[in-house]
Amino acid sequence: MYKLFILLLATVVYLTACNTKTNKGENANSNAPMDSIKSINEILKADIAWDSLSALNSAEGWLSFYTDDAIMMPPGEKVCIDKVSRAVSIKNMFATPGVSMRFQGTKIEVSKSGELGYSTGVYQFKSKDATGKEALETGKFCETWKKQADGSWKCIVDIWNADPAN
């Protein structure tokens, strides 16, 4: 019985010692939540800047938020997998008569590694048809962001689609 008691006591001491090391390791990464908050704020700032350039109908400004190999999935179009197809799509969008494209992120999360994040939100797209009648499209988007070597964030996957018509 005494040997069993010693064995149990040794097991408890061993497990407690292992648990203490784990806790110390977790405490060593106590800056991780602050890093996540910083990254979330950086993505939010980039998304707001992107929307600001959208308000100016700046196709070149819009395109500058993508990596060279980004994938873009605009509504009603084929997937854009290269710079040329993205440029054609965005330039056509901003060439639409009476165009106004605005969007706002509603949720941003960042991976534990701090290298990837995503933003979801809503958009409004206004335009005029051939007769001059104004059209309004509302919808939602999801952007996948990747931290670049220079510390900036760029979009690597962008998809948006329209809500059902009323």
C-alpha atoms as a PDB file:
ATOM      1  CA  MET A   1       0.000   0.000   0.000  1.00  0.00           C
ATOM      2  CA  TYR A   2       2.851   2.381   0.853  1.00  0.00           C
ATOM      3  CA  LYS A   3       4.467   1.744  -2.559  1.00  0.00           C
ATOM      4  CA  LEU A   4       1.164   2.576  -4.282  1.00  0.00           C
ATOM      5  CA  PHE A   5       0.900   5.820  -2.286  1.00  0.00           C
ATOM      6  CA  ILE A   6       4.470   6.829  -3.263  1.00  0.00           C
ATOM      7  CA  LEU A   7       3.781   5.973  -6.908  1.00  0.00           C
ATOM      8  CA  LEU A   8       0.593   8.091  -6.912  1.00  0.00           C
ATOM      9  CA  LEU A   9       2.402  10.962  -5.162  1.00  0.00           C
ATOM     10  CA  ALA A  10       5.249  10.811  -7.675  1.00  0.00           C
ATOM     11  CA  THR A  11       2.734  10.826 -10.535  1.00  0.00           C
ATOM     12  CA  VAL A  12       0.949  13.901  -9.115  1.00  0.00           C
ATOM     13  CA  VAL A  13       4.266  15.721  -8.646  1.00  0.00           C
ATOM     14  CA  TYR A  14       5.340  14.815 -12.178  1.00  0.00           C
ATOM     15  CA  LEU A  15       2.059  15.941 -13.753  1.00  0.00           C
ATOM     16  CA  THR A  16       2.071  19.155 -11.729  1.00  0.00           C
ATOM     17  CA  ALA A  17       5.632  19.914 -12.853  1.00  0.00           C
ATOM     18  CA  CYS A  18       4.686  19.291 -16.495  1.00  0.00           C
ATOM     19  CA  ASN A  19       1.612  21.482 -16.145  1.00  0.00           C
ATOM     20  CA  THR A  20       3.703  24.311 -14.657  1.00  0.00           C
ATOM     21  CA  LYS A  21       6.071  24.196 -17.637  1.00  0.00           C
ATOM     22  CA  THR A  22       3.092  24.350 -20.016  1.00  0.00           C
ATOM     23  CA  ASN A  23       1.699  27.365 -18.209  1.00  0.00           C
ATOM     24  CA  LYS A  24       5.074  29.103 -18.335  1.00  0.00           C
ATOM     25  CA  GLY A  25       5.210  28.437 -22.080  1.00  0.00           C
ATOM     26  CA  GLU A  26       1.741  29.896 -22.510  1.00  0.00           C
ATOM     27  CA  ASN A  27       2.683  32.955 -20.467  1.00  0.00           C
ATOM     28  CA  ALA A  28       5.733  33.478 -22.648  1.00  0.00           C
ATOM     29  CA  ASN A  29       3.322  34.136 -25.533  1.00  0.00           C
ATOM     30  CA  SER A  30       1.204  36.617 -23.601  1.00  0.00           C
ATOM     31  CA  ASN A  31       1.837  39.196 -26.357  1.00  0.00           C
ATOM     32  CA  ALA A  32       0.012  37.003 -28.890  1.00  0.00           C
ATOM     33  CA  PRO A  33      -3.392  38.629 -28.223  1.00  0.00           C
ATOM     34  CA  MET A  34      -1.818  42.094 -28.557  1.00  0.00           C
ATOM     35  CA  ASP A  35      -0.195  41.026 -31.845  1.00  0.00           C
ATOM     36  CA  SER A  36      -3.602  39.805 -33.066  1.00  0.00           C
ATOM     37  CA  ILE A  37      -5.242  43.097 -32.129  1.00  0.00           C
ATOM     38  CA  LYS A  38      -2.472  44.983 -33.941  1.00  0.00           C
ATOM     39  CA  SER A  39      -2.916  42.826 -37.055  1.00  0.00           C
ATOM     40  CA  ILE A  40      -6.706  43.193 -36.955  1.00  0.00           C
ATOM     41  CA  ASN A  41      -6.304  46.976 -36.756  1.00  0.00           C
ATOM     42  CA  GLU A  42      -3.823  46.929 -39.656  1.00  0.00           C
ATOM     43  CA  ILE A  43      -6.269  44.969 -41.825  1.00  0.00           C
ATOM     44  CA  LEU A  44      -9.094  47.313 -40.798  1.00  0.00           C
ATOM     45  CA  LYS A  45      -6.954  50.320 -41.726  1.00  0.00           C
ATOM     46  CA  ALA A  46      -6.111  48.753 -45.112  1.00  0.00           C
ATOM     47  CA  ASP A  47      -9.781  47.940 -45.753  1.00  0.00           C
ATOM     48  CA  ILE A  48     -10.813  51.535 -44.939  1.00  0.00           C
ATOM     49  CA  ALA A  49      -8.104  52.894 -47.261  1.00  0.00           C
ATOM     50  CA  TRP A  50      -9.301  50.506 -49.972  1.00  0.00           C
ATOM     51  CA  ASP A  51     -12.873  51.751 -49.573  1.00  0.00           C
ATOM     52  CA  SER A  52     -11.646  55.371 -49.709  1.00  0.00           C
ATOM     53  CA  LEU A  53     -10.015  54.723 -53.078  1.00  0.00           C
ATOM     54  CA  SER A  54     -13.177  52.962 -54.173  1.00  0.00           C
ATOM     55  CA  ALA A  55     -15.122  56.136 -53.338  1.00  0.00           C
ATOM     56  CA  LEU A  56     -12.799  57.973 -55.751  1.00  0.00           C
ATOM     57  CA  ASN A  57     -13.521  55.383 -58.479  1.00  0.00           C
ATOM     58  CA  SER A  58      -9.796  54.643 -58.621  1.00  0.00           C
ATOM     59  CA  ALA A  59      -9.292  51.384 -60.470  1.00  0.00           C
ATOM     60  CA  GLU A  60      -5.514  51.572 -60.025  1.00  0.00           C
ATOM     61  CA  GLY A  61      -5.939  52.309 -56.325  1.00  0.00           C
ATOM     62  CA  TRP A  62      -8.360  49.399 -55.955  1.00  0.00           C
ATOM     63  CA  LEU A  63      -5.980  47.022 -57.742  1.00  0.00           C
ATOM     64  CA  SER A  64      -3.034  48.038 -55.525  1.00  0.00           C
ATOM     65  CA  PHE A  65      -4.552  46.129 -52.594  1.00  0.00           C
ATOM     66  CA  TYR A  66      -4.092  42.756 -54.297  1.00  0.00           C
ATOM     67  CA  THR A  67      -1.002  40.568 -54.356  1.00  0.00           C
ATOM     68  CA  ASP A  68       0.305  39.703 -57.817  1.00  0.00           C
ATOM     69  CA  ASP A  69      -1.169  36.198 -57.549  1.00  0.00           C
ATOM     70  CA  ALA A  70      -4.488  37.179 -55.918  1.00  0.00           C
ATOM     71  CA  ILE A  71      -7.731  35.495 -56.885  1.00  0.00           C
ATOM     72  CA  MET A  72     -10.745  37.762 -57.397  1.00  0.00           C
ATOM     73  CA  MET A  73     -14.312  36.474 -57.730  1.00  0.00           C
ATOM     74  CA  PRO A  74     -16.622  39.331 -58.736  1.00  0.00           C
ATOM     75  CA  PRO A  75     -20.364  38.741 -59.097  1.00  0.00           C
ATOM     76  CA  GLY A  76     -21.551  37.568 -62.490  1.00  0.00           C
ATOM     77  CA  GLU A  77     -18.027  37.121 -63.865  1.00  0.00           C
ATOM     78  CA  LYS A  78     -15.450  34.394 -64.244  1.00  0.00           C
ATOM     79  CA  VAL A  79     -12.749  34.029 -61.620  1.00  0.00           C
ATOM     80  CA  CYS A  80      -9.854  36.440 -62.155  1.00  0.00           C
ATOM     81  CA  ILE A  81      -6.589  34.622 -61.477  1.00  0.00           C
ATOM     82  CA  ASP A  82      -4.032  37.098 -62.795  1.00  0.00           C
ATOM     83  CA  LYS A  83      -3.263  40.823 -62.856  1.00  0.00           C
ATOM     84  CA  VAL A  84      -4.628  41.327 -66.359  1.00  0.00           C
ATOM     85  CA  SER A  85      -8.033  39.764 -65.712  1.00  0.00           C
ATOM     86  CA  ARG A  86      -8.370  41.641 -62.397  1.00  0.00           C
ATOM     87  CA  ALA A  87      -7.478  44.922 -64.098  1.00  0.00           C
ATOM     88  CA  VAL A  88     -10.013  44.375 -66.903  1.00  0.00           C
ATOM     89  CA  SER A  89     -12.770  43.534 -64.420  1.00  0.00           C
ATOM     90  CA  ILE A  90     -12.128  46.457 -62.069  1.00  0.00           C
ATOM     91  CA  LYS A  91     -11.593  48.996 -64.854  1.00  0.00           C
ATOM     92  CA  ASN A  92     -14.882  47.880 -66.426  1.00  0.00           C
ATOM     93  CA  MET A  93     -16.625  48.193 -63.063  1.00  0.00           C
ATOM     94  CA  PHE A  94     -15.436  51.772 -62.561  1.00  0.00           C
ATOM     95  CA  ALA A  95     -16.278  52.653 -66.192  1.00  0.00           C
ATOM     96  CA  THR A  96     -19.946  51.853 -65.521  1.00  0.00           C
ATOM     97  CA  PRO A  97     -22.079  55.019 -65.802  1.00  0.00           C
ATOM     98  CA  GLY A  98     -22.983  56.538 -62.420  1.00  0.00           C
ATOM     99  CA  VAL A  99     -20.825  54.029 -60.570  1.00  0.00           C
ATOM    100  CA  SER A 100     -20.335  54.171 -56.829  1.00  0.00           C
ATOM    101  CA  MET A 101     -18.834  51.215 -54.970  1.00  0.00           C
ATOM    102  CA  ARG A 102     -18.581  51.401 -51.186  1.00  0.00           C
ATOM    103  CA  PHE A 103     -17.939  48.660 -48.665  1.00  0.00           C
ATOM    104  CA  GLN A 104     -17.464  48.235 -44.945  1.00  0.00           C
ATOM    105  CA  GLY A 105     -15.930  45.390 -42.990  1.00  0.00           C
ATOM    106  CA  THR A 106     -18.024  43.968 -40.174  1.00  0.00           C
ATOM    107  CA  LYS A 107     -15.724  41.206 -38.928  1.00  0.00           C
ATOM    108  CA  ILE A 108     -11.975  40.696 -39.050  1.00  0.00           C
ATOM    109  CA  GLU A 109      -9.996  37.781 -37.658  1.00  0.00           C
ATOM    110  CA  VAL A 110      -6.306  36.878 -37.819  1.00  0.00           C
ATOM    111  CA  SER A 111      -4.636  33.468 -37.641  1.00  0.00           C
ATOM    112  CA  LYS A 112      -2.569  32.539 -34.601  1.00  0.00           C
ATOM    113  CA  SER A 113       0.557  32.698 -36.751  1.00  0.00           C
ATOM    114  CA  GLY A 114      -0.258  36.322 -37.588  1.00  0.00           C
ATOM    115  CA  GLU A 115       0.361  35.785 -41.301  1.00  0.00           C
ATOM    116  CA  LEU A 116      -3.207  35.414 -42.576  1.00  0.00           C
ATOM    117  CA  GLY A 117      -6.473  37.111 -41.815  1.00  0.00           C
ATOM    118  CA  TYR A 118      -9.897  37.655 -43.251  1.00  0.00           C
ATOM    119  CA  SER A 119     -12.454  40.404 -43.406  1.00  0.00           C
ATOM    120  CA  THR A 120     -16.160  40.046 -44.094  1.00  0.00           C
ATOM    121  CA  GLY A 121     -18.644  42.804 -44.597  1.00  0.00           C
ATOM    122  CA  VAL A 122     -21.225  44.492 -46.771  1.00  0.00           C
ATOM    123  CA  TYR A 123     -21.152  46.615 -49.899  1.00  0.00           C
ATOM    124  CA  GLN A 124     -23.350  48.931 -51.969  1.00  0.00           C
ATOM    125  CA  PHE A 125     -22.899  49.254 -55.704  1.00  0.00           C
ATOM    126  CA  LYS A 126     -24.747  52.067 -57.466  1.00  0.00           C
ATOM    127  CA  SER A 127     -24.870  52.543 -61.214  1.00  0.00           C
ATOM    128  CA  LYS A 128     -27.100  53.793 -64.001  1.00  0.00           C
ATOM    129  CA  ASP A 129     -28.520  51.736 -66.811  1.00  0.00           C
ATOM    130  CA  ALA A 130     -28.590  52.817 -70.471  1.00  0.00           C
ATOM    131  CA  THR A 131     -31.709  54.950 -69.855  1.00  0.00           C
ATOM    132  CA  GLY A 132     -30.100  56.741 -66.896  1.00  0.00           C
ATOM    133  CA  LYS A 133     -32.197  54.925 -64.312  1.00  0.00           C
ATOM    134  CA  GLU A 134     -30.265  54.405 -61.076  1.00  0.00           C
ATOM    135  CA  ALA A 135     -29.725  50.855 -59.881  1.00  0.00           C
ATOM    136  CA  LEU A 136     -28.628  49.816 -56.397  1.00  0.00           C
ATOM    137  CA  GLU A 137     -27.067  46.485 -55.554  1.00  0.00           C
ATOM    138  CA  THR A 138     -26.303  45.475 -51.988  1.00  0.00           C
ATOM    139  CA  GLY A 139     -24.254  42.464 -51.071  1.00  0.00           C
ATOM    140  CA  LYS A 140     -21.567  40.903 -48.936  1.00  0.00           C
ATOM    141  CA  PHE A 141     -17.888  40.157 -49.313  1.00  0.00           C
ATOM    142  CA  CYS A 142     -15.100  38.052 -47.894  1.00  0.00           C
ATOM    143  CA  GLU A 143     -11.448  39.035 -48.296  1.00  0.00           C
ATOM    144  CA  THR A 144      -8.486  36.888 -47.317  1.00  0.00           C
ATOM    145  CA  TRP A 145      -5.461  38.961 -46.326  1.00  0.00           C
ATOM    146  CA  LYS A 146      -1.789  37.967 -46.166  1.00  0.00           C
ATOM    147  CA  LYS A 147       0.929  39.846 -44.329  1.00  0.00           C
ATOM    148  CA  GLN A 148       3.681  40.889 -46.736  1.00  0.00           C
ATOM    149  CA  ALA A 149       7.446  40.886 -46.132  1.00  0.00           C
ATOM    150  CA  ASP A 150       7.350  44.674 -45.597  1.00  0.00           C
ATOM    151  CA  GLY A 151       4.691  44.272 -42.856  1.00  0.00           C
ATOM    152  CA  SER A 152       1.796  45.527 -44.981  1.00  0.00           C
ATOM    153  CA  TRP A 153      -1.338  43.479 -45.619  1.00  0.00           C
ATOM    154  CA  LYS A 154      -2.590  42.628 -49.106  1.00  0.00           C
ATOM    155  CA  CYS A 155      -5.634  40.746 -50.323  1.00  0.00           C
ATOM    156  CA  ILE A 156      -4.986  37.276 -51.753  1.00  0.00           C
ATOM    157  CA  VAL A 157      -8.608  36.168 -52.263  1.00  0.00           C
ATOM    158  CA  ASP A 158     -11.573  38.489 -52.768  1.00  0.00           C
ATOM    159  CA  ILE A 159     -15.147  37.411 -53.358  1.00  0.00           C
ATOM    160  CA  TRP A 160     -18.298  39.466 -53.295  1.00  0.00           C
ATOM    161  CA  ASN A 161     -21.848  38.688 -54.312  1.00  0.00           C
ATOM    162  CA  ALA A 162     -25.181  40.419 -54.463  1.00  0.00           C
ATOM    163  CA  ASP A 163     -28.042  39.983 -52.049  1.00  0.00           C
ATOM    164  CA  PRO A 164     -31.341  38.800 -53.556  1.00  0.00           C
ATOM    165  CA  ALA A 165     -33.252  41.556 -55.355  1.00  0.00           C
ATOM    166  CA  ASN A 166     -36.209  42.939 -53.414  1.00  0.00           C
END
